[in-house]
Structures are given as C-alpha cells and as structure tokens.
Amino acid sequence: MTRPAIVGFSGSLSSPSRTRALVEEIARRTAHQYERSFEVIDIGQFFPSLGAAHRLSDLDAKARRLVDHLLQAEALVVASPVYKGS
C-alpha cells in the first residue's frame, strides 16, 4: 500500500469537528496542487492504546500504522482546537 504524501492530523476529539474540516481542506488543496495523495488522521483513531503506551512498541497495530503514516509523510498539516480562546 502506498503511503499518503500529505498527512493531516486533527487534535480534536469532537465529531464533527471544525478543526478536522480545516485540516482536511488544507491537506486536500495541498495534495491537489502538488499532485500528491493525502490522508487525514484524528487523534481519536489512536484510542484506546494511546493513553496506555509508553513506547511506540506499546501501540496496537492500528495506532502503529497511523504513526508510521505520520512519520513517512512528505508533509504534515497539524491543527488543534482552541477552547474559549485560551
């Protein structure tokens, strides 16, 4: 399987999420402009193993594949929501 060149990462736990929508739009436009593939990952996709992991090897297979996509991407689009302007 070919890894996506542009990977978006949304740090929002909400669904639907304006943060995810923003990350997806930026990743899509960037991938289109540079003729690359893209994927968007939500932080929630790492659960439940994320909270229990001390090392990458502690992640379950699904979470580890997502980390590999992040590490092997040519470019990242990362966003986290801001709550109450703080």
Protein backbone atom coordinates (compact mmCIF):
# COMPACT_ATOMS: atom_id res chain seq x y z
CA MET A 1 0.00 0.00 0.00
CA THR A 2 1.34 3.42 -0.95
CA ARG A 3 1.70 5.84 1.92
CA PRO A 4 -0.01 9.21 1.51
CA ALA A 5 2.42 12.05 0.77
CA ILE A 6 0.43 14.66 2.71
CA VAL A 7 -0.93 13.64 6.11
CA GLY A 8 -3.26 15.84 8.10
CA PHE A 9 -3.55 15.40 11.85
CA SER A 10 -6.52 16.79 13.76
CA GLY A 11 -6.15 17.09 17.53
CA SER A 12 -9.88 17.48 18.10
CA LEU A 13 -11.88 14.86 19.95
CA SER A 14 -15.20 16.22 18.65
CA SER A 15 -17.04 14.77 15.72
CA PRO A 16 -17.93 16.56 13.55
CA SER A 17 -15.06 18.96 14.05
CA ARG A 18 -14.26 22.33 12.51
CA THR A 19 -10.59 21.57 13.19
CA ARG A 20 -10.78 18.38 11.15
CA ALA A 21 -12.64 20.17 8.36
CA LEU A 22 -9.86 22.79 8.22
CA VAL A 23 -7.08 20.17 8.22
CA GLU A 24 -8.87 18.15 5.54
CA GLU A 25 -9.35 21.17 3.29
CA ILE A 26 -5.72 22.30 3.59
CA ALA A 27 -4.42 18.76 3.02
CA ARG A 28 -6.73 18.28 0.03
CA ARG A 29 -5.73 21.57 -1.60
CA THR A 30 -2.02 20.97 -0.97
CA ALA A 31 -2.19 17.44 -2.35
CA HIS A 32 -4.05 18.68 -5.42
CA GLN A 33 -1.56 21.50 -6.03
CA TYR A 34 1.46 19.19 -5.80
CA GLU A 35 -0.24 16.14 -7.35
CA ARG A 36 0.18 14.01 -4.24
CA SER A 37 -2.10 11.74 -2.23
CA PHE A 38 -3.39 12.73 1.20
CA GLU A 39 -4.96 11.31 4.32
CA VAL A 40 -6.39 12.90 7.47
CA ILE A 41 -5.96 11.27 10.86
CA ASP A 42 -7.91 12.17 14.01
CA ILE A 43 -6.35 11.83 17.44
CA GLY A 44 -9.32 9.66 18.44
CA GLN A 45 -8.17 6.97 15.98
CA PHE A 46 -5.26 6.21 18.33
CA PHE A 47 -7.52 5.21 21.22
CA PRO A 48 -7.52 3.11 23.33
CA SER A 49 -3.82 2.25 23.09
CA LEU A 50 -2.53 5.84 23.04
CA GLY A 51 -3.15 6.51 26.73
CA ALA A 52 -1.50 3.27 27.81
CA ALA A 53 1.57 3.44 25.55
CA HIS A 54 4.97 4.40 26.92
CA ARG A 55 6.80 3.47 23.71
CA LEU A 56 5.83 3.07 20.07
CA SER A 57 6.03 -0.68 20.52
CA ASP A 58 3.21 -0.45 23.09
CA LEU A 59 0.72 0.81 20.50
CA ASP A 60 -1.74 -1.63 18.94
CA ALA A 61 -1.30 -2.44 15.23
CA LYS A 62 -3.82 0.15 14.01
CA ALA A 63 -2.29 3.01 16.03
CA ARG A 64 1.21 1.99 14.96
CA ARG A 65 0.20 2.10 11.27
CA LEU A 66 -1.14 5.62 11.80
CA VAL A 67 2.13 6.71 13.43
CA ASP A 68 4.03 5.20 10.51
CA HIS A 69 1.91 7.28 8.10
CA LEU A 70 2.78 10.41 10.08
CA LEU A 71 6.49 9.58 10.15
CA GLN A 72 6.72 8.71 6.45
CA ALA A 73 4.75 11.67 5.09
CA GLU A 74 6.42 14.24 2.88
CA ALA A 75 4.44 16.98 4.63
CA LEU A 76 2.17 17.29 7.67
CA VAL A 77 -0.82 19.53 8.27
CA VAL A 78 -1.40 19.67 12.03
CA ALA A 79 -4.11 21.53 13.94
CA SER A 80 -5.52 21.53 17.44
CA PRO A 81 -8.69 23.29 18.56
CA VAL A 82 -8.59 26.30 20.85
CA TYR A 83 -11.21 26.21 23.57
CA LYS A 84 -12.65 29.50 24.82
CA GLY A 85 -9.77 31.45 23.30
CA SER A 86 -7.26 30.28 25.90
